[in-house]
Amino acid sequence: MKEEILFFCAPWCRPCKQIKEMLTKSIRDELNLKIIDIAENMEIAANYQVMAVPTFVVLNDDKEVARKSGATTIDDLRNMYNT
């Protein structure tokens, strides 16, 4: 079972910037979190039907199992990861 979190963000988004500042390398590794800039990866964002940023999509074996849009905390991300 391979879980990961996709973090869809944009350079102009203030909450995205704040969340990125909290995401140390150790946290990104712990949560297997991938940061995806929607301005540079519009096709990926469209494939996941991302309509707002920040958006977090939890994948389990490449299938979406959870989603959250809006600002969040590291603890919320950890809870999402363990669904």
N, C-alpha and C. Protein backbone atom coordinates (compact mmCIF):
# COMPACT_ATOMS: atom_id res chain seq x y z
N MET A 1 0.85 -1.17 0.00
CA MET A 1 0.00 0.00 0.00
C MET A 1 0.89 1.24 0.00
N LYS A 2 0.79 2.03 -1.06
CA LYS A 2 1.60 3.23 -1.18
C LYS A 2 0.71 4.46 -1.08
N GLU A 3 0.92 5.23 -0.03
CA GLU A 3 0.14 6.45 0.15
C GLU A 3 1.02 7.66 -0.16
N GLU A 4 0.37 8.70 -0.69
CA GLU A 4 1.04 9.97 -0.88
C GLU A 4 0.00 11.08 -0.86
N ILE A 5 0.48 12.29 -0.60
CA ILE A 5 -0.38 13.46 -0.62
C ILE A 5 0.12 14.39 -1.71
N LEU A 6 -0.80 14.82 -2.57
CA LEU A 6 -0.50 15.83 -3.58
C LEU A 6 -0.98 17.17 -3.05
N PHE A 7 -0.09 18.14 -3.00
CA PHE A 7 -0.39 19.49 -2.53
C PHE A 7 -0.40 20.41 -3.74
N PHE A 8 -1.61 20.78 -4.17
CA PHE A 8 -1.77 21.69 -5.31
C PHE A 8 -1.75 23.12 -4.79
N CYS A 9 -0.85 23.92 -5.36
CA CYS A 9 -0.67 25.29 -4.88
C CYS A 9 -0.40 26.22 -6.06
N ALA A 10 -0.34 27.51 -5.75
CA ALA A 10 -0.03 28.53 -6.76
C ALA A 10 0.86 29.59 -6.12
N PRO A 11 1.75 30.18 -6.92
CA PRO A 11 2.69 31.17 -6.37
C PRO A 11 2.01 32.43 -5.83
N TRP A 12 0.83 32.76 -6.31
CA TRP A 12 0.12 33.97 -5.88
C TRP A 12 -0.78 33.74 -4.66
N CYS A 13 -0.86 32.50 -4.19
CA CYS A 13 -1.76 32.12 -3.10
C CYS A 13 -1.08 32.28 -1.74
N ARG A 14 -1.57 33.19 -0.92
CA ARG A 14 -0.96 33.43 0.39
C ARG A 14 -1.04 32.20 1.31
N PRO A 15 -2.20 31.52 1.44
CA PRO A 15 -2.23 30.31 2.27
C PRO A 15 -1.26 29.23 1.77
N CYS A 16 -1.11 29.13 0.45
CA CYS A 16 -0.17 28.15 -0.11
C CYS A 16 1.25 28.45 0.36
N LYS A 17 1.62 29.73 0.30
CA LYS A 17 2.96 30.14 0.73
C LYS A 17 3.18 29.82 2.20
N GLN A 18 2.17 30.09 3.01
CA GLN A 18 2.30 29.82 4.45
C GLN A 18 2.45 28.33 4.72
N ILE A 19 1.69 27.52 4.02
CA ILE A 19 1.78 26.06 4.20
C ILE A 19 3.14 25.56 3.73
N LYS A 20 3.60 26.05 2.58
CA LYS A 20 4.91 25.62 2.07
C LYS A 20 6.02 25.92 3.06
N GLU A 21 5.92 27.03 3.77
CA GLU A 21 6.93 27.38 4.77
C GLU A 21 6.95 26.37 5.92
N MET A 22 5.81 25.78 6.23
CA MET A 22 5.72 24.79 7.32
C MET A 22 6.23 23.42 6.89
N LEU A 23 6.25 23.16 5.60
CA LEU A 23 6.56 21.82 5.09
C LEU A 23 8.06 21.61 4.95
N THR A 24 8.69 21.25 6.03
CA THR A 24 10.11 20.93 5.99
C THR A 24 10.31 19.66 5.18
N LYS A 25 11.54 19.40 4.80
CA LYS A 25 11.83 18.19 4.04
C LYS A 25 11.43 16.94 4.82
N SER A 26 11.66 16.95 6.13
CA SER A 26 11.31 15.77 6.93
C SER A 26 9.80 15.53 6.93
N ILE A 27 9.01 16.59 6.99
CA ILE A 27 7.55 16.44 6.95
C ILE A 27 7.11 15.96 5.57
N ARG A 28 7.70 16.54 4.51
CA ARG A 28 7.36 16.10 3.15
C ARG A 28 7.68 14.62 2.99
N ASP A 29 8.82 14.20 3.51
CA ASP A 29 9.21 12.78 3.41
C ASP A 29 8.27 11.90 4.23
N GLU A 30 7.97 12.33 5.46
CA GLU A 30 7.09 11.56 6.34
C GLU A 30 5.73 11.31 5.70
N LEU A 31 5.18 12.35 5.06
CA LEU A 31 3.85 12.24 4.47
C LEU A 31 3.88 11.85 3.00
N ASN A 32 5.08 11.63 2.46
CA ASN A 32 5.22 11.37 1.03
C ASN A 32 4.43 12.42 0.24
N LEU A 33 4.72 13.68 0.56
CA LEU A 33 3.97 14.81 0.02
C LEU A 33 4.68 15.39 -1.20
N LYS A 34 3.94 15.55 -2.26
CA LYS A 34 4.46 16.14 -3.50
C LYS A 34 3.80 17.51 -3.69
N ILE A 35 4.61 18.52 -3.93
CA ILE A 35 4.10 19.87 -4.16
C ILE A 35 3.94 20.06 -5.66
N ILE A 36 2.73 20.46 -6.06
CA ILE A 36 2.43 20.64 -7.48
C ILE A 36 1.93 22.06 -7.69
N ASP A 37 2.72 22.86 -8.39
CA ASP A 37 2.36 24.23 -8.73
C ASP A 37 1.40 24.18 -9.91
N ILE A 38 0.16 24.64 -9.71
CA ILE A 38 -0.84 24.53 -10.78
C ILE A 38 -0.50 25.40 -11.99
N ALA A 39 0.25 26.47 -11.78
CA ALA A 39 0.64 27.33 -12.90
C ALA A 39 1.59 26.60 -13.84
N GLU A 40 2.39 25.69 -13.31
CA GLU A 40 3.34 24.94 -14.11
C GLU A 40 2.82 23.57 -14.52
N ASN A 41 1.77 23.11 -13.87
CA ASN A 41 1.24 21.76 -14.10
C ASN A 41 -0.28 21.77 -14.25
N MET A 42 -0.75 22.57 -15.18
CA MET A 42 -2.20 22.72 -15.36
C MET A 42 -2.88 21.41 -15.72
N GLU A 43 -2.21 20.58 -16.49
CA GLU A 43 -2.81 19.32 -16.93
C GLU A 43 -3.03 18.38 -15.73
N ILE A 44 -2.05 18.31 -14.84
CA ILE A 44 -2.19 17.45 -13.65
C ILE A 44 -3.33 17.97 -12.78
N ALA A 45 -3.38 19.30 -12.58
CA ALA A 45 -4.46 19.90 -11.79
C ALA A 45 -5.82 19.60 -12.42
N ALA A 46 -5.90 19.67 -13.72
CA ALA A 46 -7.16 19.38 -14.41
C ALA A 46 -7.53 17.91 -14.25
N ASN A 47 -6.54 17.01 -14.32
CA ASN A 47 -6.81 15.58 -14.16
C ASN A 47 -7.41 15.27 -12.79
N TYR A 48 -6.98 16.02 -11.77
CA TYR A 48 -7.50 15.82 -10.42
C TYR A 48 -8.65 16.78 -10.10
N GLN A 49 -9.11 17.50 -11.09
CA GLN A 49 -10.26 18.43 -10.96
C GLN A 49 -10.07 19.39 -9.80
N VAL A 50 -8.88 19.97 -9.73
CA VAL A 50 -8.57 20.96 -8.69
C VAL A 50 -9.22 22.28 -9.10
N MET A 51 -10.11 22.78 -8.25
CA MET A 51 -10.84 24.01 -8.53
C MET A 51 -10.41 25.18 -7.65
N ALA A 52 -9.62 24.89 -6.61
CA ALA A 52 -9.18 25.93 -5.68
C ALA A 52 -7.83 25.52 -5.11
N VAL A 53 -7.09 26.52 -4.67
CA VAL A 53 -5.83 26.24 -3.99
C VAL A 53 -5.84 26.93 -2.64
N PRO A 54 -5.20 26.35 -1.66
CA PRO A 54 -4.53 25.06 -1.70
C PRO A 54 -5.53 23.90 -1.69
N THR A 55 -5.16 22.82 -2.35
CA THR A 55 -5.93 21.58 -2.31
C THR A 55 -4.96 20.43 -2.05
N PHE A 56 -5.37 19.54 -1.17
CA PHE A 56 -4.59 18.35 -0.83
C PHE A 56 -5.38 17.13 -1.26
N VAL A 57 -4.74 16.25 -2.01
CA VAL A 57 -5.37 15.02 -2.46
C VAL A 57 -4.54 13.86 -1.92
N VAL A 58 -5.18 12.98 -1.16
CA VAL A 58 -4.51 11.80 -0.62
C VAL A 58 -4.76 10.63 -1.56
N LEU A 59 -3.66 10.01 -1.98
CA LEU A 59 -3.75 8.86 -2.87
C LEU A 59 -3.28 7.62 -2.13
N ASN A 60 -3.97 6.53 -2.39
CA ASN A 60 -3.57 5.22 -1.87
C ASN A 60 -3.53 4.30 -3.07
N ASP A 61 -2.34 3.80 -3.40
CA ASP A 61 -2.16 3.01 -4.62
C ASP A 61 -2.71 3.75 -5.83
N ASP A 62 -2.41 5.04 -5.93
CA ASP A 62 -2.78 5.91 -7.05
C ASP A 62 -4.29 6.17 -7.16
N LYS A 63 -5.06 5.83 -6.14
CA LYS A 63 -6.50 6.12 -6.13
C LYS A 63 -6.79 7.14 -5.05
N GLU A 64 -7.59 8.14 -5.38
CA GLU A 64 -7.93 9.18 -4.41
C GLU A 64 -8.78 8.60 -3.28
N VAL A 65 -8.34 8.86 -2.04
CA VAL A 65 -9.08 8.39 -0.87
C VAL A 65 -9.54 9.53 0.03
N ALA A 66 -8.98 10.73 -0.17
CA ALA A 66 -9.39 11.89 0.62
C ALA A 66 -8.96 13.16 -0.10
N ARG A 67 -9.67 14.25 0.23
CA ARG A 67 -9.37 15.55 -0.38
C ARG A 67 -9.75 16.64 0.61
N LYS A 68 -8.95 17.70 0.60
CA LYS A 68 -9.25 18.87 1.43
C LYS A 68 -8.77 20.10 0.69
N SER A 69 -9.63 21.11 0.65
CA SER A 69 -9.26 22.39 0.07
C SER A 69 -9.24 23.44 1.16
N GLY A 70 -8.34 24.39 1.02
CA GLY A 70 -8.21 25.46 1.99
C GLY A 70 -7.02 25.25 2.89
N ALA A 71 -6.77 26.27 3.71
CA ALA A 71 -5.63 26.22 4.63
C ALA A 71 -5.80 25.05 5.60
N THR A 72 -4.67 24.52 6.03
CA THR A 72 -4.70 23.37 6.94
C THR A 72 -3.46 23.39 7.82
N THR A 73 -3.40 22.45 8.74
CA THR A 73 -2.25 22.32 9.62
C THR A 73 -1.51 21.02 9.31
N ILE A 74 -0.30 20.91 9.82
CA ILE A 74 0.46 19.69 9.64
C ILE A 74 -0.26 18.51 10.29
N ASP A 75 -0.84 18.74 11.47
CA ASP A 75 -1.59 17.66 12.13
C ASP A 75 -2.77 17.20 11.30
N ASP A 76 -3.48 18.13 10.65
CA ASP A 76 -4.59 17.75 9.76
C ASP A 76 -4.07 16.89 8.61
N LEU A 77 -2.92 17.26 8.06
CA LEU A 77 -2.35 16.47 6.97
C LEU A 77 -1.98 15.07 7.45
N ARG A 78 -1.41 14.98 8.64
CA ARG A 78 -1.07 13.66 9.19
C ARG A 78 -2.33 12.82 9.37
N ASN A 79 -3.40 13.44 9.85
CA ASN A 79 -4.67 12.71 10.03
C ASN A 79 -5.23 12.26 8.68
N MET A 80 -5.13 13.10 7.66
CA MET A 80 -5.59 12.71 6.31
C MET A 80 -4.78 11.55 5.78
N TYR A 81 -3.50 11.59 6.02
CA TYR A 81 -2.59 10.57 5.51
C TYR A 81 -2.91 9.20 6.11
N ASN A 82 -3.41 9.20 7.32
CA ASN A 82 -3.68 7.93 8.01
C ASN A 82 -5.13 7.49 7.88
N THR A 83 -5.85 7.95 6.84
CA THR A 83 -7.23 7.53 6.65
C THR A 83 -7.29 6.15 6.05
